């Protein structure tokens, strides 16, 4: 076997490289503006902007741990809001009402919530009707606030000069 080597192509010197840039090249300001416009298509439509443009080669899939749907086990508005958020984000948009209802019922472990869900089992829109009723019962913002205030009032008092206790309190508020 005989290998033939071809001569290496000659590389232009640094001066030749920069001298050969055509005059019609896009100025950096225009290029950056174009990149910012392309990046805006990837940002959520909430009026957010980014100082660093997103590259079109970034991945759009999440490769971390698989998200889970929490159980609703007690009369806790925070627990219900976590369940509601998880269902909104994880259930496929094209899933049927009955499928969503079944998933919801599988994660309701609180007896009163299960009774509410059971009352809508024969409804034409069981998931939507059940969620509307559960939101009315457990998902009102004032319920979350009242529960949080009650929890803060039950905590021990902070003594004068207790900076660690005050920091913990500030984080809870």
N, C-alpha and C. Protein backbone atom coordinates (compact mmCIF):
# COMPACT_ATOMS: atom_id res chain seq x y z
N UNK A 1 0.84 -1.18 0.00
CA UNK A 1 0.00 0.00 0.00
C UNK A 1 0.88 1.23 0.00
N UNK A 2 0.58 2.09 -0.89
CA UNK A 2 1.38 3.29 -1.02
C UNK A 2 0.47 4.48 -0.75
N UNK A 3 0.87 5.35 0.15
CA UNK A 3 0.08 6.52 0.47
C UNK A 3 0.68 7.72 -0.21
N UNK A 4 -0.16 8.52 -0.78
CA UNK A 4 0.31 9.74 -1.42
C UNK A 4 -0.05 10.92 -0.53
N UNK A 5 0.86 11.77 -0.34
CA UNK A 5 0.63 12.98 0.44
C UNK A 5 0.55 14.15 -0.51
N UNK A 6 -0.45 14.95 -0.33
CA UNK A 6 -0.54 16.15 -1.16
C UNK A 6 0.05 17.31 -0.39
N UNK A 7 0.57 18.30 -1.07
CA UNK A 7 1.16 19.44 -0.37
C UNK A 7 0.08 20.19 0.40
N UNK A 8 0.45 20.70 1.56
CA UNK A 8 -0.49 21.45 2.40
C UNK A 8 -0.85 22.74 1.71
N UNK A 9 -2.12 23.14 1.81
CA UNK A 9 -2.49 24.40 1.18
C UNK A 9 -1.81 25.55 1.91
N UNK A 10 -1.48 26.56 1.17
CA UNK A 10 -0.80 27.69 1.79
C UNK A 10 -1.83 28.54 2.52
N UNK A 11 -1.49 28.95 3.71
CA UNK A 11 -2.37 29.77 4.52
C UNK A 11 -2.01 31.23 4.30
N UNK A 12 -3.01 32.09 4.18
CA UNK A 12 -2.70 33.51 4.00
C UNK A 12 -2.15 34.07 5.30
N UNK A 13 -1.33 35.06 5.16
CA UNK A 13 -0.77 35.70 6.36
C UNK A 13 -1.89 36.49 7.03
N UNK A 14 -1.64 36.93 8.28
CA UNK A 14 -2.65 37.69 9.01
C UNK A 14 -3.05 38.94 8.26
N UNK A 15 -2.09 39.60 7.66
CA UNK A 15 -2.40 40.83 6.94
C UNK A 15 -3.28 40.54 5.74
N UNK A 16 -3.00 39.47 5.01
CA UNK A 16 -3.81 39.13 3.84
C UNK A 16 -5.23 38.75 4.26
N UNK A 17 -5.38 38.06 5.43
CA UNK A 17 -6.71 37.66 5.90
C UNK A 17 -7.59 38.87 6.11
N UNK A 18 -7.10 39.86 6.79
CA UNK A 18 -7.91 41.01 7.15
C UNK A 18 -8.08 41.98 6.00
N UNK A 19 -7.14 41.98 5.06
CA UNK A 19 -7.26 42.87 3.91
C UNK A 19 -8.30 42.36 2.93
N UNK A 20 -8.59 41.07 2.98
CA UNK A 20 -9.50 40.50 1.99
C UNK A 20 -10.97 40.55 2.40
N UNK A 21 -11.31 41.21 3.51
CA UNK A 21 -12.70 41.32 3.93
C UNK A 21 -13.41 42.28 2.99
N UNK A 22 -14.49 41.86 2.36
CA UNK A 22 -15.18 42.73 1.41
C UNK A 22 -15.79 43.94 2.10
N UNK A 23 -15.92 45.02 1.39
CA UNK A 23 -16.47 46.25 1.93
C UNK A 23 -17.96 46.10 2.25
N UNK A 24 -18.62 45.15 1.63
CA UNK A 24 -20.06 44.98 1.84
C UNK A 24 -20.38 44.10 3.05
N UNK A 25 -19.39 43.81 3.89
CA UNK A 25 -19.64 42.97 5.07
C UNK A 25 -20.59 43.70 6.02
N UNK A 26 -21.38 42.93 6.75
CA UNK A 26 -22.36 43.50 7.66
C UNK A 26 -21.66 44.10 8.87
N UNK A 27 -21.96 45.36 9.21
CA UNK A 27 -21.36 45.95 10.41
C UNK A 27 -21.82 45.21 11.65
N UNK A 28 -21.00 45.18 12.71
CA UNK A 28 -21.36 44.44 13.93
C UNK A 28 -22.68 44.90 14.55
N UNK A 29 -23.01 46.20 14.48
CA UNK A 29 -24.24 46.69 15.08
C UNK A 29 -25.46 46.08 14.38
N UNK A 30 -25.40 46.01 13.05
CA UNK A 30 -26.52 45.42 12.32
C UNK A 30 -26.62 43.93 12.59
N UNK A 31 -25.49 43.26 12.68
CA UNK A 31 -25.48 41.83 12.95
C UNK A 31 -26.06 41.55 14.33
N UNK A 32 -25.65 42.37 15.33
CA UNK A 32 -26.16 42.18 16.68
C UNK A 32 -27.66 42.43 16.72
N UNK A 33 -28.14 43.45 16.01
CA UNK A 33 -29.57 43.72 15.96
C UNK A 33 -30.34 42.56 15.36
N UNK A 34 -29.79 41.95 14.32
CA UNK A 34 -30.43 40.80 13.69
C UNK A 34 -30.46 39.62 14.66
N UNK A 35 -29.36 39.40 15.41
CA UNK A 35 -29.33 38.31 16.38
C UNK A 35 -30.33 38.55 17.49
N UNK A 36 -30.45 39.83 17.95
CA UNK A 36 -31.42 40.13 18.99
C UNK A 36 -32.84 39.87 18.50
N UNK A 37 -33.11 40.19 17.24
CA UNK A 37 -34.44 39.94 16.68
C UNK A 37 -34.72 38.44 16.61
N UNK A 38 -33.71 37.66 16.23
CA UNK A 38 -33.88 36.20 16.19
C UNK A 38 -34.07 35.65 17.59
N UNK A 39 -33.33 36.21 18.56
CA UNK A 39 -33.44 35.73 19.93
C UNK A 39 -34.81 36.03 20.50
N UNK A 40 -35.41 37.15 20.09
CA UNK A 40 -36.72 37.53 20.62
C UNK A 40 -37.78 36.49 20.28
N UNK A 41 -37.58 35.75 19.19
CA UNK A 41 -38.56 34.73 18.85
C UNK A 41 -38.50 33.54 19.80
N UNK A 42 -37.39 33.38 20.52
CA UNK A 42 -37.27 32.27 21.46
C UNK A 42 -37.70 32.65 22.87
N UNK A 43 -37.83 33.94 23.17
CA UNK A 43 -38.20 34.39 24.50
C UNK A 43 -39.70 34.31 24.68
N UNK A 44 -40.18 34.02 25.91
CA UNK A 44 -41.61 34.01 26.15
C UNK A 44 -42.21 35.39 25.87
N UNK A 45 -43.43 35.44 25.46
CA UNK A 45 -44.07 36.69 25.10
C UNK A 45 -44.62 37.38 26.34
N UNK A 46 -43.76 37.73 27.26
CA UNK A 46 -44.17 38.43 28.48
C UNK A 46 -43.45 39.76 28.58
N UNK A 47 -42.94 40.25 27.51
CA UNK A 47 -42.23 41.51 27.55
C UNK A 47 -40.83 41.36 28.09
N UNK A 48 -40.32 40.16 28.16
CA UNK A 48 -38.98 39.95 28.67
C UNK A 48 -37.97 40.21 27.57
N UNK A 49 -36.83 40.70 27.96
CA UNK A 49 -35.76 40.85 26.98
C UNK A 49 -34.50 40.28 27.60
N UNK A 50 -33.56 40.01 26.77
CA UNK A 50 -32.31 39.43 27.24
C UNK A 50 -31.17 40.25 26.70
N UNK A 51 -30.17 40.51 27.54
CA UNK A 51 -29.01 41.24 27.07
C UNK A 51 -28.12 40.34 26.24
N UNK A 52 -28.14 39.05 26.51
CA UNK A 52 -27.36 38.10 25.73
C UNK A 52 -28.32 37.34 24.82
N UNK A 53 -28.14 37.45 23.51
CA UNK A 53 -29.07 36.76 22.61
C UNK A 53 -28.95 35.26 22.71
N UNK A 54 -30.08 34.59 22.52
CA UNK A 54 -30.09 33.14 22.50
C UNK A 54 -29.61 32.65 21.15
N UNK A 55 -28.91 31.59 21.12
CA UNK A 55 -28.45 31.03 19.86
C UNK A 55 -29.50 30.05 19.35
N UNK A 56 -29.62 29.98 18.05
CA UNK A 56 -30.64 29.10 17.49
C UNK A 56 -30.28 27.64 17.68
N UNK A 57 -29.04 27.34 18.08
CA UNK A 57 -28.63 25.96 18.28
C UNK A 57 -28.88 25.45 19.68
N UNK A 58 -29.48 26.26 20.57
CA UNK A 58 -29.73 25.80 21.93
C UNK A 58 -30.83 24.75 21.92
N UNK A 59 -30.77 23.86 22.88
CA UNK A 59 -31.74 22.77 22.95
C UNK A 59 -33.02 23.26 23.59
N UNK A 60 -34.12 22.76 23.12
CA UNK A 60 -35.41 23.16 23.66
C UNK A 60 -36.04 22.06 24.50
N UNK A 61 -35.33 20.99 24.75
CA UNK A 61 -35.87 19.91 25.57
C UNK A 61 -35.21 19.90 26.93
N UNK A 62 -35.98 19.53 27.92
CA UNK A 62 -35.49 19.45 29.30
C UNK A 62 -34.92 18.07 29.52
N UNK A 63 -33.68 18.00 29.97
CA UNK A 63 -33.03 16.70 30.16
C UNK A 63 -32.78 16.38 31.64
N UNK A 64 -33.40 17.12 32.52
CA UNK A 64 -33.22 16.88 33.95
C UNK A 64 -34.12 15.77 34.44
N UNK A 65 -34.30 15.69 35.75
CA UNK A 65 -35.18 14.65 36.30
C UNK A 65 -36.61 14.83 35.81
N UNK A 66 -37.30 13.72 35.67
CA UNK A 66 -38.68 13.75 35.19
C UNK A 66 -39.57 14.44 36.23
N UNK A 67 -40.36 15.44 35.83
CA UNK A 67 -41.23 16.11 36.80
C UNK A 67 -42.34 15.17 37.26
N UNK A 68 -42.81 15.39 38.46
CA UNK A 68 -43.85 14.52 39.01
C UNK A 68 -45.06 15.36 39.42
N UNK A 69 -46.17 14.70 39.55
CA UNK A 69 -47.40 15.35 39.99
C UNK A 69 -47.58 15.02 41.47
N UNK A 70 -47.61 16.04 42.33
CA UNK A 70 -47.74 15.77 43.77
C UNK A 70 -49.15 15.30 44.13
N UNK A 71 -49.27 14.70 45.28
CA UNK A 71 -50.56 14.25 45.80
C UNK A 71 -51.19 15.39 46.61
N UNK A 72 -52.50 15.46 46.60
CA UNK A 72 -53.24 16.41 47.42
C UNK A 72 -53.79 15.62 48.59
N UNK A 73 -53.13 15.73 49.76
CA UNK A 73 -53.42 14.86 50.89
C UNK A 73 -54.12 15.53 52.07
N UNK A 74 -54.11 16.87 52.11
CA UNK A 74 -54.70 17.55 53.26
C UNK A 74 -55.29 18.89 52.83
N UNK A 75 -56.04 19.49 53.72
CA UNK A 75 -56.68 20.78 53.44
C UNK A 75 -55.62 21.89 53.48
N UNK A 76 -54.77 21.92 52.47
CA UNK A 76 -53.66 22.87 52.41
C UNK A 76 -53.69 23.56 51.04
N UNK A 77 -54.03 24.85 50.99
CA UNK A 77 -54.09 25.54 49.70
C UNK A 77 -52.77 25.51 48.93
N UNK A 78 -51.64 25.50 49.64
CA UNK A 78 -50.34 25.44 48.94
C UNK A 78 -50.17 24.09 48.24
N UNK A 79 -50.60 23.04 48.91
CA UNK A 79 -50.52 21.71 48.31
C UNK A 79 -51.40 21.63 47.06
N UNK A 80 -52.59 22.23 47.15
CA UNK A 80 -53.47 22.23 45.98
C UNK A 80 -52.88 23.06 44.84
N UNK A 81 -52.27 24.20 45.15
CA UNK A 81 -51.71 25.03 44.08
C UNK A 81 -50.54 24.31 43.40
N UNK A 82 -49.78 23.53 44.15
CA UNK A 82 -48.70 22.74 43.54
C UNK A 82 -49.27 21.66 42.61
N UNK A 83 -50.33 21.00 43.06
CA UNK A 83 -50.99 19.99 42.22
C UNK A 83 -51.54 20.63 40.95
N UNK A 84 -52.21 21.74 41.09
CA UNK A 84 -52.80 22.44 39.95
C UNK A 84 -51.73 22.86 38.94
N UNK A 85 -50.65 23.43 39.42
CA UNK A 85 -49.56 23.86 38.55
C UNK A 85 -48.93 22.67 37.82
N UNK A 86 -48.72 21.58 38.55
CA UNK A 86 -48.14 20.39 37.93
C UNK A 86 -49.06 19.81 36.85
N UNK A 87 -50.35 19.76 37.13
CA UNK A 87 -51.29 19.24 36.13
C UNK A 87 -51.31 20.12 34.88
N UNK A 88 -51.29 21.44 35.07
CA UNK A 88 -51.29 22.35 33.92
C UNK A 88 -50.04 22.20 33.08
N UNK A 89 -48.91 21.93 33.72
CA UNK A 89 -47.64 21.87 32.99
C UNK A 89 -47.31 20.49 32.43
N UNK A 90 -47.77 19.44 33.07
CA UNK A 90 -47.34 18.09 32.68
C UNK A 90 -48.34 17.38 31.77
N UNK A 91 -49.63 17.57 32.01
CA UNK A 91 -50.62 16.88 31.17
C UNK A 91 -50.55 17.40 29.73
N UNK A 92 -50.60 16.51 28.76
CA UNK A 92 -50.55 16.95 27.36
C UNK A 92 -51.75 17.83 27.01
N UNK A 93 -51.50 18.82 26.18
CA UNK A 93 -52.56 19.76 25.80
C UNK A 93 -53.67 19.08 25.00
N UNK A 94 -53.34 18.02 24.29
CA UNK A 94 -54.34 17.35 23.46
C UNK A 94 -55.01 16.17 24.16
N UNK A 95 -54.81 16.03 25.47
CA UNK A 95 -55.43 14.91 26.18
C UNK A 95 -56.91 15.17 26.39
N UNK A 96 -57.66 14.10 26.55
CA UNK A 96 -59.11 14.21 26.70
C UNK A 96 -59.48 14.60 28.12
N UNK A 97 -60.72 15.07 28.27
CA UNK A 97 -61.23 15.43 29.59
C UNK A 97 -61.21 14.23 30.54
N UNK A 98 -61.61 13.09 30.05
CA UNK A 98 -61.66 11.88 30.88
C UNK A 98 -60.27 11.46 31.33
N UNK A 99 -59.28 11.56 30.43
CA UNK A 99 -57.91 11.21 30.80
C UNK A 99 -57.41 12.15 31.89
N UNK A 100 -57.63 13.45 31.72
CA UNK A 100 -57.19 14.43 32.72
C UNK A 100 -57.90 14.19 34.05
N UNK A 101 -59.20 13.87 33.97
CA UNK A 101 -59.97 13.59 35.18
C UNK A 101 -59.40 12.38 35.93
N UNK A 102 -59.04 11.34 35.19
CA UNK A 102 -58.48 10.14 35.81
C UNK A 102 -57.15 10.45 36.50
N UNK A 103 -56.29 11.22 35.84
CA UNK A 103 -55.01 11.59 36.44
C UNK A 103 -55.25 12.43 37.69
N UNK A 104 -56.18 13.37 37.62
CA UNK A 104 -56.50 14.20 38.78
C UNK A 104 -56.99 13.33 39.94
N UNK A 105 -57.91 12.42 39.68
CA UNK A 105 -58.44 11.56 40.74
C UNK A 105 -57.35 10.68 41.35
N UNK A 106 -56.41 10.24 40.53
CA UNK A 106 -55.31 9.42 41.05
C UNK A 106 -54.43 10.18 42.04
N UNK A 107 -54.42 11.51 41.95
CA UNK A 107 -53.55 12.30 42.82
C UNK A 107 -54.31 13.01 43.94
N UNK A 108 -55.62 12.80 44.01
CA UNK A 108 -56.41 13.33 45.12
C UNK A 108 -56.48 12.29 46.22
N UNK A 109 -55.83 12.55 47.34
CA UNK A 109 -55.86 11.63 48.47
C UNK A 109 -56.62 12.23 49.65
N UNK A 110 -57.01 13.48 49.55
CA UNK A 110 -57.78 14.17 50.58
C UNK A 110 -59.26 13.84 50.36
N UNK A 111 -59.90 13.29 51.40
CA UNK A 111 -61.26 12.75 51.27
C UNK A 111 -62.27 13.77 50.74
N UNK A 112 -62.23 15.00 51.24
CA UNK A 112 -63.20 16.01 50.79
C UNK A 112 -63.00 16.34 49.31
N UNK A 113 -61.75 16.40 48.87
CA UNK A 113 -61.46 16.69 47.46
C UNK A 113 -61.92 15.53 46.58
N UNK A 114 -61.75 14.31 47.07
CA UNK A 114 -62.22 13.14 46.32
C UNK A 114 -63.74 13.14 46.19
N UNK A 115 -64.44 13.57 47.23
CA UNK A 115 -65.90 13.65 47.16
C UNK A 115 -66.33 14.68 46.11
N UNK A 116 -65.62 15.80 46.05
CA UNK A 116 -65.91 16.81 45.03
C UNK A 116 -65.70 16.21 43.64
N UNK A 117 -64.58 15.52 43.46
CA UNK A 117 -64.28 14.90 42.16
C UNK A 117 -65.32 13.85 41.79
N UNK A 118 -65.73 13.05 42.76
CA UNK A 118 -66.73 12.01 42.49
C UNK A 118 -68.06 12.60 42.05
N UNK A 119 -68.39 13.78 42.55
CA UNK A 119 -69.67 14.39 42.19
C UNK A 119 -69.70 14.83 40.72
N UNK A 120 -68.55 14.95 40.08
CA UNK A 120 -68.50 15.35 38.67
C UNK A 120 -68.12 14.19 37.74
N UNK A 121 -68.14 12.97 38.23
CA UNK A 121 -67.70 11.84 37.41
C UNK A 121 -68.57 11.61 36.18
N UNK A 122 -69.85 11.98 36.22
CA UNK A 122 -70.74 11.78 35.08
C UNK A 122 -70.96 13.05 34.27
N UNK A 123 -70.20 14.07 34.56
CA UNK A 123 -70.31 15.33 33.84
C UNK A 123 -69.74 15.20 32.42
N UNK A 124 -70.23 15.98 31.46
CA UNK A 124 -69.62 15.93 30.12
C UNK A 124 -68.18 16.44 30.11
N UNK A 125 -67.83 17.30 31.04
CA UNK A 125 -66.46 17.83 31.18
C UNK A 125 -66.00 17.60 32.62
N UNK A 126 -65.71 16.36 33.00
CA UNK A 126 -65.43 16.06 34.41
C UNK A 126 -64.18 16.77 34.94
N UNK A 127 -63.12 16.85 34.16
CA UNK A 127 -61.89 17.49 34.64
C UNK A 127 -62.11 18.98 34.87
N UNK A 128 -62.66 19.66 33.87
CA UNK A 128 -62.86 21.11 33.98
C UNK A 128 -63.80 21.46 35.12
N UNK A 129 -64.89 20.71 35.25
CA UNK A 129 -65.85 20.98 36.31
C UNK A 129 -65.25 20.71 37.69
N UNK A 130 -64.51 19.61 37.81
CA UNK A 130 -63.88 19.27 39.09
C UNK A 130 -62.85 20.32 39.47
N UNK A 131 -62.01 20.72 38.50
CA UNK A 131 -60.98 21.72 38.80
C UNK A 131 -61.61 23.05 39.18
N UNK A 132 -62.69 23.45 38.51
CA UNK A 132 -63.36 24.70 38.86
C UNK A 132 -63.86 24.66 40.29
N UNK A 133 -64.43 23.54 40.68
CA UNK A 133 -64.94 23.40 42.05
C UNK A 133 -63.80 23.35 43.07
N UNK A 134 -62.73 22.63 42.73
CA UNK A 134 -61.58 22.56 43.65
C UNK A 134 -60.90 23.92 43.79
N UNK A 135 -60.82 24.65 42.69
CA UNK A 135 -60.22 26.00 42.76
C UNK A 135 -61.08 26.90 43.63
N UNK A 136 -62.39 26.78 43.50
CA UNK A 136 -63.29 27.58 44.33
C UNK A 136 -63.11 27.23 45.81
N UNK A 137 -62.88 25.96 46.10
CA UNK A 137 -62.77 25.52 47.49
C UNK A 137 -61.37 25.71 48.07
N UNK A 138 -60.33 25.37 47.31
CA UNK A 138 -58.96 25.36 47.86
C UNK A 138 -57.98 26.32 47.18
N UNK A 139 -58.36 26.89 46.05
CA UNK A 139 -57.37 27.62 45.27
C UNK A 139 -57.48 29.12 45.26
N UNK A 140 -58.21 29.70 46.18
CA UNK A 140 -58.34 31.15 46.21
C UNK A 140 -57.10 31.78 46.85
N UNK A 141 -56.58 32.87 46.27
CA UNK A 141 -55.37 33.50 46.80
C UNK A 141 -55.49 33.94 48.26
N UNK A 142 -56.67 34.40 48.66
CA UNK A 142 -56.81 34.84 50.05
C UNK A 142 -56.68 33.67 51.02
N UNK A 143 -57.04 32.47 50.59
CA UNK A 143 -56.88 31.30 51.46
C UNK A 143 -55.40 31.02 51.71
N UNK A 144 -54.59 31.14 50.66
CA UNK A 144 -53.14 30.96 50.82
C UNK A 144 -52.58 32.00 51.79
N UNK A 145 -53.01 33.24 51.62
CA UNK A 145 -52.50 34.31 52.48
C UNK A 145 -52.91 34.10 53.93
N UNK A 146 -54.17 33.76 54.15
CA UNK A 146 -54.64 33.55 55.52
C UNK A 146 -53.91 32.39 56.19
N UNK A 147 -53.69 31.32 55.45
CA UNK A 147 -52.97 30.19 56.03
C UNK A 147 -51.54 30.57 56.38
N UNK A 148 -50.89 31.32 55.50
CA UNK A 148 -49.50 31.72 55.73
C UNK A 148 -49.40 32.65 56.93
N UNK A 149 -50.34 33.57 57.06
CA UNK A 149 -50.35 34.48 58.21
C UNK A 149 -50.54 33.69 59.50
N UNK A 150 -51.44 32.72 59.49
CA UNK A 150 -51.67 31.90 60.68
C UNK A 150 -50.42 31.13 61.06
N UNK A 151 -49.70 30.59 60.07
CA UNK A 151 -48.46 29.86 60.35
C UNK A 151 -47.41 30.79 60.95
N UNK A 152 -47.31 32.01 60.43
CA UNK A 152 -46.32 32.96 60.96
C UNK A 152 -46.66 33.39 62.38
N UNK A 153 -47.95 33.52 62.68
CA UNK A 153 -48.36 33.93 64.03
C UNK A 153 -48.10 32.84 65.06
N UNK A 154 -48.10 31.58 64.63
CA UNK A 154 -47.87 30.47 65.55
C UNK A 154 -46.39 30.24 65.85
N UNK A 155 -45.51 30.84 65.08
CA UNK A 155 -44.07 30.64 65.29
C UNK A 155 -43.63 31.33 66.57
N UNK A 156 -42.54 30.86 67.17
CA UNK A 156 -42.06 31.49 68.40
C UNK A 156 -41.60 32.93 68.14
N UNK A 157 -41.68 33.73 69.19
CA UNK A 157 -41.28 35.13 69.06
C UNK A 157 -39.77 35.24 68.88
N UNK A 158 -39.36 36.29 68.23
CA UNK A 158 -37.94 36.53 67.99
C UNK A 158 -37.44 37.46 69.09
N UNK A 159 -36.40 37.06 69.74
CA UNK A 159 -35.84 37.85 70.83
C UNK A 159 -34.95 38.96 70.28
N UNK A 160 -34.76 39.97 71.07
CA UNK A 160 -33.90 41.09 70.68
C UNK A 160 -32.47 40.60 70.47
N UNK A 161 -31.87 40.97 69.35
CA UNK A 161 -30.49 40.58 69.05
C UNK A 161 -30.36 39.21 68.40
N UNK A 162 -31.45 38.52 68.17
CA UNK A 162 -31.39 37.19 67.54
C UNK A 162 -31.41 37.36 66.02
N UNK A 163 -30.23 37.60 65.45
CA UNK A 163 -30.15 37.86 64.00
C UNK A 163 -30.47 36.61 63.19
N UNK A 164 -30.04 35.46 63.66
CA UNK A 164 -30.33 34.22 62.93
C UNK A 164 -31.83 33.96 62.88
N UNK A 165 -32.51 34.16 64.00
CA UNK A 165 -33.96 33.99 64.05
C UNK A 165 -34.68 34.99 63.16
N UNK A 166 -34.17 36.23 63.14
CA UNK A 166 -34.79 37.24 62.29
C UNK A 166 -34.61 36.91 60.81
N UNK A 167 -33.44 36.42 60.44
CA UNK A 167 -33.19 36.04 59.04
C UNK A 167 -34.12 34.91 58.61
N UNK A 168 -34.30 33.91 59.49
CA UNK A 168 -35.21 32.81 59.17
C UNK A 168 -36.64 33.32 59.00
N UNK A 169 -37.04 34.24 59.89
CA UNK A 169 -38.37 34.83 59.80
C UNK A 169 -38.53 35.60 58.48
N UNK A 170 -37.52 36.37 58.13
CA UNK A 170 -37.57 37.16 56.89
C UNK A 170 -37.68 36.25 55.67
N UNK A 171 -37.01 35.11 55.69
CA UNK A 171 -37.10 34.18 54.57
C UNK A 171 -38.48 33.55 54.48
N UNK A 172 -39.13 33.34 55.63
CA UNK A 172 -40.46 32.74 55.62
C UNK A 172 -41.52 33.72 55.14
N UNK A 173 -41.28 35.00 55.39
CA UNK A 173 -42.25 36.02 54.98
C UNK A 173 -42.09 36.25 53.51
